[in-house]
Protein backbone atom coordinates (compact mmCIF):
# COMPACT_ATOMS: atom_id res chain seq x y z
CA UNK A 1 -90.61 357.72 66.63
CA UNK A 2 -88.93 358.02 70.00
CA UNK A 3 -91.55 355.63 71.32
CA UNK A 4 -90.59 352.84 68.89
CA UNK A 5 -87.63 351.73 70.99
CA UNK A 6 -89.80 351.55 74.11
CA UNK A 7 -92.45 349.54 72.24
CA UNK A 8 -89.82 347.16 70.88
CA UNK A 9 -88.34 346.64 74.36
CA UNK A 10 -91.83 346.12 75.80
CA UNK A 11 -92.67 343.46 73.18
CA UNK A 12 -89.36 341.66 73.72
CA UNK A 13 -89.73 341.70 77.51
CA UNK A 14 -93.34 340.50 77.27
CA UNK A 15 -92.25 337.58 75.11
CA UNK A 16 -89.46 336.66 77.56
CA UNK A 17 -91.76 336.93 80.59
CA UNK A 18 -94.34 334.77 78.82
CA UNK A 19 -91.71 332.10 78.23
CA UNK A 20 -90.65 332.19 81.88
CA UNK A 21 -94.31 331.92 82.98
CA UNK A 22 -94.77 328.86 80.75
CA UNK A 23 -91.60 327.32 82.21
CA UNK A 24 -92.84 327.92 85.77
CA UNK A 25 -96.27 326.46 85.09
CA UNK A 26 -94.80 323.58 83.07
CA UNK A 27 -92.40 322.67 85.86
CA UNK A 28 -95.26 322.67 88.35
CA UNK A 29 -97.45 320.64 85.97
CA UNK A 30 -94.73 317.98 85.67
CA UNK A 31 -93.80 318.07 89.37
CA UNK A 32 -97.27 317.36 90.78
CA UNK A 33 -97.89 314.05 88.93
CA UNK A 34 -94.33 312.95 89.66
CA UNK A 35 -94.81 313.64 93.36
CA UNK A 36 -97.96 311.55 93.47
CA UNK A 37 -96.38 308.76 91.40
CA UNK A 38 -92.87 308.36 92.79
CA UNK A 39 -92.81 309.85 96.24
CA UNK A 40 -95.66 308.33 98.23
CA UNK A 41 -93.41 308.35 101.25
CA UNK A 42 -92.01 311.85 100.67
CA UNK A 43 -90.62 313.44 103.77
CA UNK A 44 -91.47 316.93 104.88
CA UNK A 45 -87.86 317.98 104.35
CA UNK A 46 -87.74 316.88 100.70
CA UNK A 47 -91.04 318.60 99.95
CA UNK A 48 -89.84 321.73 101.76
CA UNK A 49 -86.64 321.80 99.73
CA UNK A 50 -88.66 321.42 96.53
CA UNK A 51 -90.98 324.24 97.56
CA UNK A 52 -87.92 326.39 98.34
CA UNK A 53 -86.62 325.73 94.83
CA UNK A 54 -89.92 326.73 93.29
CA UNK A 55 -90.09 329.82 95.50
CA UNK A 56 -86.63 330.86 94.29
CA UNK A 57 -87.78 330.41 90.69
CA UNK A 58 -90.85 332.56 91.35
CA UNK A 59 -88.65 335.20 93.03
CA UNK A 60 -86.42 335.32 89.94
CA UNK A 61 -89.52 335.73 87.78
CA UNK A 62 -90.73 338.57 90.02
CA UNK A 63 -87.32 340.22 89.67
CA UNK A 64 -87.61 339.99 85.87
CA UNK A 65 -91.13 341.42 86.04
CA UNK A 66 -89.98 344.31 88.22
CA UNK A 67 -87.03 345.09 85.94
CA UNK A 68 -89.17 345.09 82.81
CA UNK A 69 -92.00 347.20 84.23
CA UNK A 70 -93.12 349.79 81.69
CA UNK A 71 -94.05 353.37 82.51
CA UNK A 72 -96.80 355.51 81.03
CA UNK A 73 -97.41 359.25 81.26
CA UNK A 74 -100.65 360.81 82.50
CA UNK A 75 -102.26 360.55 79.05
CA UNK A 76 -101.56 356.83 78.80
CA UNK A 77 -98.71 357.14 76.32
CA UNK A 78 -95.79 354.74 76.74
CA UNK A 79 -92.74 356.54 78.12
CA UNK A 80 -90.40 353.68 78.98
CA UNK A 81 -90.56 350.03 77.97
CA UNK A 82 -88.63 348.93 81.04
CA UNK A 83 -85.11 347.59 81.29
CA UNK A 84 -84.18 345.21 78.53
CA UNK A 85 -83.92 341.65 79.81
CA UNK A 86 -80.48 340.95 78.40
CA UNK A 87 -76.92 341.23 79.54
CA UNK A 88 -74.61 339.22 81.71
CA UNK A 89 -76.42 339.59 85.02
CA UNK A 90 -79.80 338.69 83.49
CA UNK A 91 -78.24 335.71 81.71
CA UNK A 92 -76.81 334.49 85.02
CA UNK A 93 -80.28 334.81 86.58
CA UNK A 94 -81.72 332.78 83.68
CA UNK A 95 -79.08 330.07 84.21
CA UNK A 96 -79.90 329.89 87.91
CA UNK A 97 -83.61 329.74 87.03
CA UNK A 98 -83.04 326.81 84.65
CA UNK A 99 -81.07 324.82 87.23
CA UNK A 100 -83.59 325.53 89.99
CA UNK A 101 -86.53 324.47 87.81
CA UNK A 102 -84.69 321.31 86.71
CA UNK A 103 -83.99 320.35 90.32
CA UNK A 104 -87.56 321.17 91.34
CA UNK A 105 -89.08 319.16 88.50
CA UNK A 106 -86.95 316.03 88.93
CA UNK A 107 -86.77 316.00 92.74
CA UNK A 108 -89.70 313.56 93.15
CA UNK A 109 -87.92 310.97 91.01
CA UNK A 110 -84.61 310.97 92.85
CA UNK A 111 -83.11 312.79 95.78
CA UNK A 112 -79.73 312.81 94.03
CA UNK A 113 -80.93 315.60 91.75
CA UNK A 114 -80.25 318.00 94.62
CA UNK A 115 -76.57 317.63 93.74
CA UNK A 116 -77.35 319.69 90.65
CA UNK A 117 -77.62 322.67 92.99
CA UNK A 118 -73.83 322.62 92.94
CA UNK A 119 -74.10 323.89 89.35
CA UNK A 120 -75.62 327.19 90.51
CA UNK A 121 -72.32 328.84 91.53
CA UNK A 122 -70.84 328.24 88.06
CA UNK A 123 -72.92 330.87 86.19
CA UNK A 124 -72.69 333.20 89.19
CA UNK A 125 -68.89 333.00 89.19
CA UNK A 126 -68.78 333.40 85.41
CA UNK A 127 -71.01 336.46 85.63
CA UNK A 128 -68.85 337.94 88.39
CA UNK A 129 -65.76 337.28 86.28
CA UNK A 130 -67.16 338.85 83.13
CA UNK A 131 -68.83 341.84 84.82
CA UNK A 132 -66.34 342.76 87.56
CA UNK A 133 -62.92 341.15 87.30
CA UNK A 134 -62.31 340.99 83.54
CA UNK A 135 -63.21 344.67 82.89
CA UNK A 136 -60.96 345.75 85.75
CA UNK A 137 -58.07 343.78 84.27
CA UNK A 138 -58.80 345.15 80.81
CA UNK A 139 -59.10 348.70 82.16
CA UNK A 140 -55.73 348.39 83.91
CA UNK A 141 -54.09 347.24 80.66
CA UNK A 142 -55.69 350.10 78.77
CA UNK A 143 -54.60 352.56 81.45
CA UNK A 144 -51.00 351.35 81.30
CA UNK A 145 -50.98 351.54 77.50
CA UNK A 146 -52.43 355.03 77.57
CA UNK A 147 -49.87 356.13 80.14
CA UNK A 148 -46.99 354.76 78.08
CA UNK A 149 -48.37 356.28 74.90
CA UNK A 150 -49.14 359.63 76.51
CA UNK A 151 -45.77 359.73 78.23
CA UNK A 152 -43.86 359.10 75.01
CA UNK A 153 -45.87 361.63 73.00
CA UNK A 154 -45.57 364.32 75.63
CA UNK A 155 -41.80 363.84 75.72
CA UNK A 156 -41.57 364.23 71.96
CA UNK A 157 -43.72 367.33 72.07
CA UNK A 158 -41.50 368.78 74.72
CA UNK A 159 -38.41 368.04 72.68
CA UNK A 160 -39.91 369.51 69.54
CA UNK A 161 -41.10 372.58 71.34
CA UNK A 162 -37.73 373.40 72.89
CA UNK A 163 -35.51 372.27 70.04
CA UNK A 164 -33.49 375.26 68.66
């Protein structure tokens, strides 16, 4: 029964990794014919930038694979299904992956697609806001409320205790 959660996480992560693998292979399958069709005079710099985009996408996939790595005990029984591929940081990585694959795939058609790289900081900044800054602001508000509430209750207790 304790293993059911690990199996469920493993199945979910396997499905997500399979989808990312299909996206990587699909982007490459679309990129290669487009390169041969539209960019006969492709420069080494444009091809290098495209390869860098694909390398970043593969690095993000490797990060997902490392995070979702399952662990087995010595008898071969599943102990841990790996980290669940969800949450704000993982969603930001998925957004970056989508933009990078879009730029990689469409780069043979037009060089102007590289301007889409300017979209990458948007999910990163949103993730930083929702993971770091917003909780700190919320925690400060909660702390102030708790201090006010605690201070007023403690004063009443003191008054009740010493009231004769």
